[in-house]
Amino acid sequence: MIAGLLLANAAQAQEDRGEPADSADARVTTLGEVRALKPEDDVPVDLYRFKSPVQPAPNAFNRAWHEPPSLQEVGMRGGYLMMGINYGIAKTAQGLHTLTRAPDPIQSAIARPPPQLDAAQQRRAMKFCEVEAECDPASAK
């Protein structure tokens, strides 16, 4: 049975496809002579003369991309082995933080309203202000 399938596939692969159409050749045009101009010797070639007008928006690849460290940074961080160990420790800590749903180590500050003095505290502040000559009672209110 397998031999029959192989022979059938071989027979299908050898079918004649026919002659290509001649109409495609009639529409082909050829270019004339092209001359390359020699650049001027006094003007240095500036590869960064034109800036690309296309500025792609930040995407997921930009967030995940980190420039590779220079050889000096690798040496200062203890070499590739220590950098790999520290990276593994950091990713493990990040995973544990995610699994335990612990609060972030640095939390944003929440602004609170300024303290309001009750009536007794305001009277006491006014008395203190009257005793001290440097205080202006009008600005304390």
C-alpha atoms as a PDB file:
ATOM      1  CA  MET A   1       0.000   0.000   0.000  1.00  0.00           C
ATOM      2  CA  ILE A   2       2.839   2.393   0.893  1.00  0.00           C
ATOM      3  CA  ALA A   3       4.557   1.591  -2.402  1.00  0.00           C
ATOM      4  CA  GLY A   4       1.352   2.475  -4.266  1.00  0.00           C
ATOM      5  CA  LEU A   5       1.153   5.870  -2.525  1.00  0.00           C
ATOM      6  CA  LEU A   6       4.777   6.631  -3.361  1.00  0.00           C
ATOM      7  CA  LEU A   7       4.214   5.758  -7.032  1.00  0.00           C
ATOM      8  CA  ALA A   8       1.077   7.919  -7.140  1.00  0.00           C
ATOM      9  CA  ASN A   9       2.970  10.897  -5.691  1.00  0.00           C
ATOM     10  CA  ALA A  10       5.801  10.408  -8.181  1.00  0.00           C
ATOM     11  CA  ALA A  11       3.314  10.313 -11.053  1.00  0.00           C
ATOM     12  CA  GLN A  12       1.677  13.550  -9.888  1.00  0.00           C
ATOM     13  CA  ALA A  13       5.028  15.294  -9.562  1.00  0.00           C
ATOM     14  CA  GLN A  14       5.927  14.520 -13.195  1.00  0.00           C
ATOM     15  CA  GLU A  15       2.849  16.090 -14.778  1.00  0.00           C
ATOM     16  CA  ASP A  16       3.558  18.511 -17.632  1.00  0.00           C
ATOM     17  CA  ARG A  17       2.579  22.051 -16.741  1.00  0.00           C
ATOM     18  CA  GLY A  18       2.401  23.336 -20.296  1.00  0.00           C
ATOM     19  CA  GLU A  19       4.118  26.205 -22.083  1.00  0.00           C
ATOM     20  CA  PRO A  20       4.524  29.591 -20.361  1.00  0.00           C
ATOM     21  CA  ALA A  21       2.424  32.408 -21.734  1.00  0.00           C
ATOM     22  CA  ASP A  22       4.100  34.609 -24.368  1.00  0.00           C
ATOM     23  CA  SER A  23       2.096  37.693 -23.387  1.00  0.00           C
ATOM     24  CA  ALA A  24       4.319  38.283 -20.338  1.00  0.00           C
ATOM     25  CA  ASP A  25       7.415  38.761 -22.529  1.00  0.00           C
ATOM     26  CA  ALA A  26       5.742  41.457 -24.641  1.00  0.00           C
ATOM     27  CA  ARG A  27       5.206  43.781 -21.653  1.00  0.00           C
ATOM     28  CA  VAL A  28       8.810  43.680 -20.380  1.00  0.00           C
ATOM     29  CA  THR A  29      10.776  46.867 -20.999  1.00  0.00           C
ATOM     30  CA  THR A  30      14.513  47.323 -20.721  1.00  0.00           C
ATOM     31  CA  LEU A  31      16.286  50.310 -19.273  1.00  0.00           C
ATOM     32  CA  GLY A  32      18.677  52.443 -21.215  1.00  0.00           C
ATOM     33  CA  GLU A  33      22.309  53.031 -20.335  1.00  0.00           C
ATOM     34  CA  VAL A  34      22.971  53.992 -16.700  1.00  0.00           C
ATOM     35  CA  ARG A  35      26.074  55.997 -15.813  1.00  0.00           C
ATOM     36  CA  ALA A  36      27.500  56.191 -12.301  1.00  0.00           C
ATOM     37  CA  LEU A  37      28.894  59.578 -11.326  1.00  0.00           C
ATOM     38  CA  LYS A  38      32.124  59.809  -9.399  1.00  0.00           C
ATOM     39  CA  PRO A  39      31.702  61.602  -6.034  1.00  0.00           C
ATOM     40  CA  GLU A  40      33.560  64.847  -5.509  1.00  0.00           C
ATOM     41  CA  ASP A  41      36.886  64.428  -3.757  1.00  0.00           C
ATOM     42  CA  ASP A  42      36.685  67.617  -1.627  1.00  0.00           C
ATOM     43  CA  VAL A  43      33.368  66.725   0.029  1.00  0.00           C
ATOM     44  CA  PRO A  44      33.702  63.984   2.634  1.00  0.00           C
ATOM     45  CA  VAL A  45      30.965  61.395   2.686  1.00  0.00           C
ATOM     46  CA  ASP A  46      28.647  61.962   5.650  1.00  0.00           C
ATOM     47  CA  LEU A  47      26.729  58.798   6.415  1.00  0.00           C
ATOM     48  CA  TYR A  48      24.542  60.539   9.006  1.00  0.00           C
ATOM     49  CA  ARG A  49      23.545  63.489   6.798  1.00  0.00           C
ATOM     50  CA  PHE A  50      19.891  62.453   6.551  1.00  0.00           C
ATOM     51  CA  LYS A  51      17.841  61.469   9.583  1.00  0.00           C
ATOM     52  CA  SER A  52      15.097  58.932   9.217  1.00  0.00           C
ATOM     53  CA  PRO A  53      11.677  60.629   9.313  1.00  0.00           C
ATOM     54  CA  VAL A  54      10.159  57.472  10.771  1.00  0.00           C
ATOM     55  CA  GLN A  55      10.198  57.307  14.564  1.00  0.00           C
ATOM     56  CA  PRO A  56       8.605  54.020  15.667  1.00  0.00           C
ATOM     57  CA  ALA A  57       6.514  54.075  18.807  1.00  0.00           C
ATOM     58  CA  PRO A  58       7.867  52.241  21.880  1.00  0.00           C
ATOM     59  CA  ASN A  59       6.707  48.641  22.022  1.00  0.00           C
ATOM     60  CA  ALA A  60       7.285  45.426  23.948  1.00  0.00           C
ATOM     61  CA  PHE A  61      10.716  44.933  22.384  1.00  0.00           C
ATOM     62  CA  ASN A  62      11.940  48.314  23.665  1.00  0.00           C
ATOM     63  CA  ARG A  63      10.935  47.435  27.229  1.00  0.00           C
ATOM     64  CA  ALA A  64      12.731  44.093  27.099  1.00  0.00           C
ATOM     65  CA  TRP A  65      15.892  45.337  25.355  1.00  0.00           C
ATOM     66  CA  HIS A  66      18.941  46.104  27.475  1.00  0.00           C
ATOM     67  CA  GLU A  67      22.238  47.236  26.018  1.00  0.00           C
ATOM     68  CA  PRO A  68      24.975  44.661  26.614  1.00  0.00           C
ATOM     69  CA  PRO A  69      27.504  45.708  29.242  1.00  0.00           C
ATOM     70  CA  SER A  70      30.892  46.972  28.146  1.00  0.00           C
ATOM     71  CA  LEU A  71      34.026  45.050  29.071  1.00  0.00           C
ATOM     72  CA  GLN A  72      34.757  47.623  31.772  1.00  0.00           C
ATOM     73  CA  GLU A  73      31.304  47.085  33.343  1.00  0.00           C
ATOM     74  CA  VAL A  74      31.764  43.316  33.188  1.00  0.00           C
ATOM     75  CA  GLY A  75      35.088  43.633  34.986  1.00  0.00           C
ATOM     76  CA  MET A  76      33.666  45.956  37.636  1.00  0.00           C
ATOM     77  CA  ARG A  77      30.720  43.615  38.302  1.00  0.00           C
ATOM     78  CA  GLY A  78      32.936  40.589  38.889  1.00  0.00           C
ATOM     79  CA  GLY A  79      32.830  38.972  35.454  1.00  0.00           C
ATOM     80  CA  TYR A  80      30.199  37.166  33.449  1.00  0.00           C
ATOM     81  CA  LEU A  81      29.785  34.398  36.018  1.00  0.00           C
ATOM     82  CA  MET A  82      28.967  36.780  38.887  1.00  0.00           C
ATOM     83  CA  MET A  83      26.685  38.797  36.622  1.00  0.00           C
ATOM     84  CA  GLY A  84      24.794  35.600  35.739  1.00  0.00           C
ATOM     85  CA  ILE A  85      24.514  34.577  39.388  1.00  0.00           C
ATOM     86  CA  ASN A  86      23.226  38.026  40.376  1.00  0.00           C
ATOM     87  CA  TYR A  87      20.758  38.014  37.481  1.00  0.00           C
ATOM     88  CA  GLY A  88      19.447  34.609  38.587  1.00  0.00           C
ATOM     89  CA  ILE A  89      19.080  35.788  42.183  1.00  0.00           C
ATOM     90  CA  ALA A  90      17.229  38.925  41.061  1.00  0.00           C
ATOM     91  CA  LYS A  91      14.830  36.947  38.857  1.00  0.00           C
ATOM     92  CA  THR A  92      14.211  34.441  41.676  1.00  0.00           C
ATOM     93  CA  ALA A  93      13.424  37.278  44.093  1.00  0.00           C
ATOM     94  CA  GLN A  94      11.116  38.844  41.519  1.00  0.00           C
ATOM     95  CA  GLY A  95       9.309  35.520  41.054  1.00  0.00           C
ATOM     96  CA  LEU A  96       8.918  35.031  44.805  1.00  0.00           C
ATOM     97  CA  HIS A  97       7.599  38.568  45.115  1.00  0.00           C
ATOM     98  CA  THR A  98       5.021  37.819  42.415  1.00  0.00           C
ATOM     99  CA  LEU A  99       4.021  34.470  43.942  1.00  0.00           C
ATOM    100  CA  THR A 100       3.599  35.792  47.482  1.00  0.00           C
ATOM    101  CA  ARG A 101       1.829  38.993  46.351  1.00  0.00           C
ATOM    102  CA  ALA A 102       3.862  40.958  48.867  1.00  0.00           C
ATOM    103  CA  PRO A 103       3.720  44.758  48.789  1.00  0.00           C
ATOM    104  CA  ASP A 104       6.362  46.508  46.729  1.00  0.00           C
ATOM    105  CA  PRO A 105       9.521  47.470  48.636  1.00  0.00           C
ATOM    106  CA  ILE A 106       9.124  51.081  47.537  1.00  0.00           C
ATOM    107  CA  GLN A 107       5.564  52.330  47.778  1.00  0.00           C
ATOM    108  CA  SER A 108       4.298  55.617  46.453  1.00  0.00           C
ATOM    109  CA  ALA A 109       3.632  58.365  48.963  1.00  0.00           C
ATOM    110  CA  ILE A 110       0.034  59.256  49.708  1.00  0.00           C
ATOM    111  CA  ALA A 111      -0.539  62.941  50.388  1.00  0.00           C
ATOM    112  CA  ARG A 112      -2.677  63.747  53.379  1.00  0.00           C
ATOM    113  CA  PRO A 113      -4.451  66.993  54.199  1.00  0.00           C
ATOM    114  CA  PRO A 114      -2.741  69.439  56.551  1.00  0.00           C
ATOM    115  CA  PRO A 115      -3.677  68.985  60.212  1.00  0.00           C
ATOM    116  CA  GLN A 116      -6.681  70.982  61.424  1.00  0.00           C
ATOM    117  CA  LEU A 117      -6.662  72.424  64.932  1.00  0.00           C
ATOM    118  CA  ASP A 118      -9.765  72.034  67.043  1.00  0.00           C
ATOM    119  CA  ALA A 119     -11.153  74.985  69.051  1.00  0.00           C
ATOM    120  CA  ALA A 120      -9.160  74.210  72.240  1.00  0.00           C
ATOM    121  CA  GLN A 121      -5.888  73.973  70.315  1.00  0.00           C
ATOM    122  CA  GLN A 122      -6.617  77.245  68.509  1.00  0.00           C
ATOM    123  CA  ARG A 123      -7.279  79.058  71.854  1.00  0.00           C
ATOM    124  CA  ARG A 124      -4.052  77.695  73.292  1.00  0.00           C
ATOM    125  CA  ALA A 125      -2.139  78.838  70.193  1.00  0.00           C
ATOM    126  CA  MET A 126      -3.669  82.326  70.499  1.00  0.00           C
ATOM    127  CA  LYS A 127      -2.646  82.528  74.183  1.00  0.00           C
ATOM    128  CA  PHE A 128       0.887  81.491  73.307  1.00  0.00           C
ATOM    129  CA  CYS A 129       0.914  84.044  70.520  1.00  0.00           C
ATOM    130  CA  GLU A 130      -0.229  86.827  72.887  1.00  0.00           C
ATOM    131  CA  VAL A 131       2.477  85.953  75.418  1.00  0.00           C
ATOM    132  CA  GLU A 132       5.216  85.925  72.807  1.00  0.00           C
ATOM    133  CA  ALA A 133       5.669  89.358  71.238  1.00  0.00           C
ATOM    134  CA  GLU A 134       7.086  87.967  67.988  1.00  0.00           C
ATOM    135  CA  CYS A 135       3.861  86.285  66.866  1.00  0.00           C
ATOM    136  CA  ASP A 136       1.184  88.038  64.794  1.00  0.00           C
ATOM    137  CA  PRO A 137      -2.282  86.841  65.918  1.00  0.00           C
ATOM    138  CA  ALA A 138      -3.821  87.824  62.573  1.00  0.00           C
ATOM    139  CA  SER A 139      -1.539  85.453  60.640  1.00  0.00           C
ATOM    140  CA  ALA A 140      -2.225  82.578  63.053  1.00  0.00           C
ATOM    141  CA  LYS A 141      -5.891  82.404  62.034  1.00  0.00           C
END
